[in-house]
Structure formats: structure tokens, C-alpha cells
Amino acid sequence: MEIIMKLITLNGENIHSESDFHKEIAFLLSFSKYYGENLDALWDCLSYDLDRPVLVIWKNSDYSKKYLGNTFNHIVKIFELVREQDIKSGLEERFNFDIQ
């Protein structure tokens, strides 16, 4: 059985607020309609509810970083923790990301 990686692309030029980020990632990753649109909910969905493998590419991230401020760093930290958790769990099909 061939495993196909899901590739999603966030465009930082379109993410001007934390709300914009949550709406975009929830849509692209098909999160439940009950997604809480906050950082705790992001952790939960990426850690436990996401079909893998998945690669999130965040293009033009400098724009988002400017608009989101420290929230941008928190989001990236969640991405890092999810990736580390997958590696430590020995998952072959993992969450990964690329900030561009």
C-alpha cells in the first residue's frame, strides 16, 4: 500500500492574525468543526487527530511573524513539539513542517 504525504501550504501574506492562522490551518487540514481555534486546540489536533504523514509549508512566513508577533513563535514551537513527539514515538508517518 502506497502512503501519500499530505502537503499543505500556508501563505504568510494572508495570515494577519491568530484567527486567520487558525481558520486557514483548520480548513487545509480538515479539522473538526469543533476545533477551538486556539493554541491548545492546535496542539491537540496536530498531536492526536491528524492523519499522517503531513508536511506543512509556511511560505512568506516573515509577513505572518510581523503580524502575529510572539504568537508566531508559539505556533512554531507547537509544530516542533509535534514533530519531536512523532519521532520519539517511532512513527514512520510523521508530521513535519518547513518555515520559509
C-alpha atoms as a PDB file:
ATOM      1  CA  MET A   1       0.000   0.000   0.000  1.00  0.00           C
ATOM      2  CA  GLU A   2       1.444   3.335  -1.068  1.00  0.00           C
ATOM      3  CA  ILE A   3       1.416   6.087   1.543  1.00  0.00           C
ATOM      4  CA  ILE A   4       0.785   9.561   0.202  1.00  0.00           C
ATOM      5  CA  MET A   5       2.037  12.558   2.139  1.00  0.00           C
ATOM      6  CA  LYS A   6      -0.479  15.344   2.546  1.00  0.00           C
ATOM      7  CA  LEU A   7       1.159  18.641   1.645  1.00  0.00           C
ATOM      8  CA  ILE A   8      -0.407  21.904   2.730  1.00  0.00           C
ATOM      9  CA  THR A   9       0.861  25.398   2.125  1.00  0.00           C
ATOM     10  CA  LEU A  10       0.178  28.385   4.333  1.00  0.00           C
ATOM     11  CA  ASN A  11       0.784  31.763   2.708  1.00  0.00           C
ATOM     12  CA  GLY A  12       2.069  34.223   5.276  1.00  0.00           C
ATOM     13  CA  GLU A  13       0.868  37.148   3.184  1.00  0.00           C
ATOM     14  CA  ASN A  14      -2.703  36.094   4.035  1.00  0.00           C
ATOM     15  CA  ILE A  15      -2.224  35.470   7.761  1.00  0.00           C
ATOM     16  CA  HIS A  16      -2.520  38.768   9.634  1.00  0.00           C
ATOM     17  CA  SER A  17      -3.941  37.498  12.919  1.00  0.00           C
ATOM     18  CA  GLU A  18      -4.079  34.395  15.075  1.00  0.00           C
ATOM     19  CA  SER A  19      -7.667  33.964  13.941  1.00  0.00           C
ATOM     20  CA  ASP A  20      -6.548  33.991  10.282  1.00  0.00           C
ATOM     21  CA  PHE A  21      -3.988  31.292  11.069  1.00  0.00           C
ATOM     22  CA  HIS A  22      -6.474  29.028  12.841  1.00  0.00           C
ATOM     23  CA  LYS A  23      -9.109  29.386  10.125  1.00  0.00           C
ATOM     24  CA  GLU A  24      -6.570  28.601   7.395  1.00  0.00           C
ATOM     25  CA  ILE A  25      -4.921  25.605   9.048  1.00  0.00           C
ATOM     26  CA  ALA A  26      -8.275  24.198  10.160  1.00  0.00           C
ATOM     27  CA  PHE A  27      -9.542  24.388   6.583  1.00  0.00           C
ATOM     28  CA  LEU A  28      -6.394  22.969   4.973  1.00  0.00           C
ATOM     29  CA  LEU A  29      -6.061  20.084   7.445  1.00  0.00           C
ATOM     30  CA  SER A  30      -9.811  19.413   7.652  1.00  0.00           C
ATOM     31  CA  PHE A  31     -10.008  19.871  11.418  1.00  0.00           C
ATOM     32  CA  SER A  32     -13.328  19.108  13.071  1.00  0.00           C
ATOM     33  CA  LYS A  33     -15.964  21.835  13.180  1.00  0.00           C
ATOM     34  CA  TYR A  34     -15.395  21.750  16.944  1.00  0.00           C
ATOM     35  CA  TYR A  35     -11.785  22.950  16.587  1.00  0.00           C
ATOM     36  CA  GLY A  36     -11.306  25.581  19.297  1.00  0.00           C
ATOM     37  CA  GLU A  37      -9.149  27.976  17.239  1.00  0.00           C
ATOM     38  CA  ASN A  38      -6.554  28.410  19.979  1.00  0.00           C
ATOM     39  CA  LEU A  39      -3.050  27.098  20.601  1.00  0.00           C
ATOM     40  CA  ASP A  40      -4.167  24.309  22.952  1.00  0.00           C
ATOM     41  CA  ALA A  41      -6.624  23.074  20.335  1.00  0.00           C
ATOM     42  CA  LEU A  42      -3.877  23.260  17.694  1.00  0.00           C
ATOM     43  CA  TRP A  43      -1.645  21.038  19.841  1.00  0.00           C
ATOM     44  CA  ASP A  44      -4.473  18.559  20.381  1.00  0.00           C
ATOM     45  CA  CYS A  45      -5.410  18.330  16.707  1.00  0.00           C
ATOM     46  CA  LEU A  46      -1.837  18.055  15.442  1.00  0.00           C
ATOM     47  CA  SER A  47      -0.864  15.545  18.125  1.00  0.00           C
ATOM     48  CA  TYR A  48      -3.846  13.228  18.159  1.00  0.00           C
ATOM     49  CA  ASP A  49      -6.376  13.915  15.394  1.00  0.00           C
ATOM     50  CA  LEU A  50      -4.225  14.366  12.308  1.00  0.00           C
ATOM     51  CA  ASP A  51      -3.736  11.678   9.682  1.00  0.00           C
ATOM     52  CA  ARG A  52      -0.075  11.353   8.844  1.00  0.00           C
ATOM     53  CA  PRO A  53       2.205  11.846   7.004  1.00  0.00           C
ATOM     54  CA  VAL A  54       1.735  15.561   6.595  1.00  0.00           C
ATOM     55  CA  LEU A  55       4.055  18.391   5.594  1.00  0.00           C
ATOM     56  CA  VAL A  56       3.085  21.988   6.371  1.00  0.00           C
ATOM     57  CA  ILE A  57       4.954  24.574   4.322  1.00  0.00           C
ATOM     58  CA  TRP A  58       4.606  28.134   5.578  1.00  0.00           C
ATOM     59  CA  LYS A  59       5.636  30.417   2.723  1.00  0.00           C
ATOM     60  CA  ASN A  60       6.255  34.123   3.225  1.00  0.00           C
ATOM     61  CA  SER A  61       6.366  33.466   6.961  1.00  0.00           C
ATOM     62  CA  ASP A  62       8.069  36.809   7.631  1.00  0.00           C
ATOM     63  CA  TYR A  63       4.734  38.530   6.970  1.00  0.00           C
ATOM     64  CA  SER A  64       2.957  36.329   9.497  1.00  0.00           C
ATOM     65  CA  LYS A  65       5.741  36.782  12.021  1.00  0.00           C
ATOM     66  CA  LYS A  66       5.362  40.546  11.732  1.00  0.00           C
ATOM     67  CA  TYR A  67       1.593  40.420  12.237  1.00  0.00           C
ATOM     68  CA  LEU A  68       1.438  37.626  14.821  1.00  0.00           C
ATOM     69  CA  GLY A  69       4.389  38.683  16.950  1.00  0.00           C
ATOM     70  CA  ASN A  70       5.174  36.205  19.724  1.00  0.00           C
ATOM     71  CA  THR A  71       2.173  34.053  18.771  1.00  0.00           C
ATOM     72  CA  PHE A  72       4.108  33.081  15.640  1.00  0.00           C
ATOM     73  CA  ASN A  73       6.896  31.696  17.849  1.00  0.00           C
ATOM     74  CA  HIS A  74       4.363  29.748  19.916  1.00  0.00           C
ATOM     75  CA  ILE A  75       2.878  28.185  16.773  1.00  0.00           C
ATOM     76  CA  VAL A  76       6.318  27.172  15.502  1.00  0.00           C
ATOM     77  CA  LYS A  77       7.129  25.713  18.928  1.00  0.00           C
ATOM     78  CA  ILE A  78       3.964  23.592  18.767  1.00  0.00           C
ATOM     79  CA  PHE A  79       4.996  22.392  15.298  1.00  0.00           C
ATOM     80  CA  GLU A  80       8.436  21.466  16.695  1.00  0.00           C
ATOM     81  CA  LEU A  81       6.962  19.609  19.674  1.00  0.00           C
ATOM     82  CA  VAL A  82       4.570  17.623  17.491  1.00  0.00           C
ATOM     83  CA  ARG A  83       7.399  16.651  15.151  1.00  0.00           C
ATOM     84  CA  GLU A  84       9.595  15.606  18.104  1.00  0.00           C
ATOM     85  CA  GLN A  85       6.736  13.604  19.606  1.00  0.00           C
ATOM     86  CA  ASP A  86       6.268  11.703  16.335  1.00  0.00           C
ATOM     87  CA  ILE A  87       9.996  10.940  16.138  1.00  0.00           C
ATOM     88  CA  LYS A  88      10.182   9.785  19.770  1.00  0.00           C
ATOM     89  CA  SER A  89       7.106   7.613  19.232  1.00  0.00           C
ATOM     90  CA  GLY A  90       8.887   5.886  16.357  1.00  0.00           C
ATOM     91  CA  LEU A  91       6.238   6.827  13.825  1.00  0.00           C
ATOM     92  CA  GLU A  92       7.305   6.285  10.243  1.00  0.00           C
ATOM     93  CA  GLU A  93       4.489   8.518   9.000  1.00  0.00           C
ATOM     94  CA  ARG A  94       5.134  11.849  10.672  1.00  0.00           C
ATOM     95  CA  PHE A  95       4.112  15.456  10.949  1.00  0.00           C
ATOM     96  CA  ASN A  96       6.717  17.799   9.528  1.00  0.00           C
ATOM     97  CA  PHE A  97       6.943  21.453   8.601  1.00  0.00           C
ATOM     98  CA  ASP A  98       9.078  23.931   6.699  1.00  0.00           C
ATOM     99  CA  ILE A  99       9.084  27.635   7.576  1.00  0.00           C
ATOM    100  CA  GLN A 100      10.075  29.688   4.551  1.00  0.00           C
END
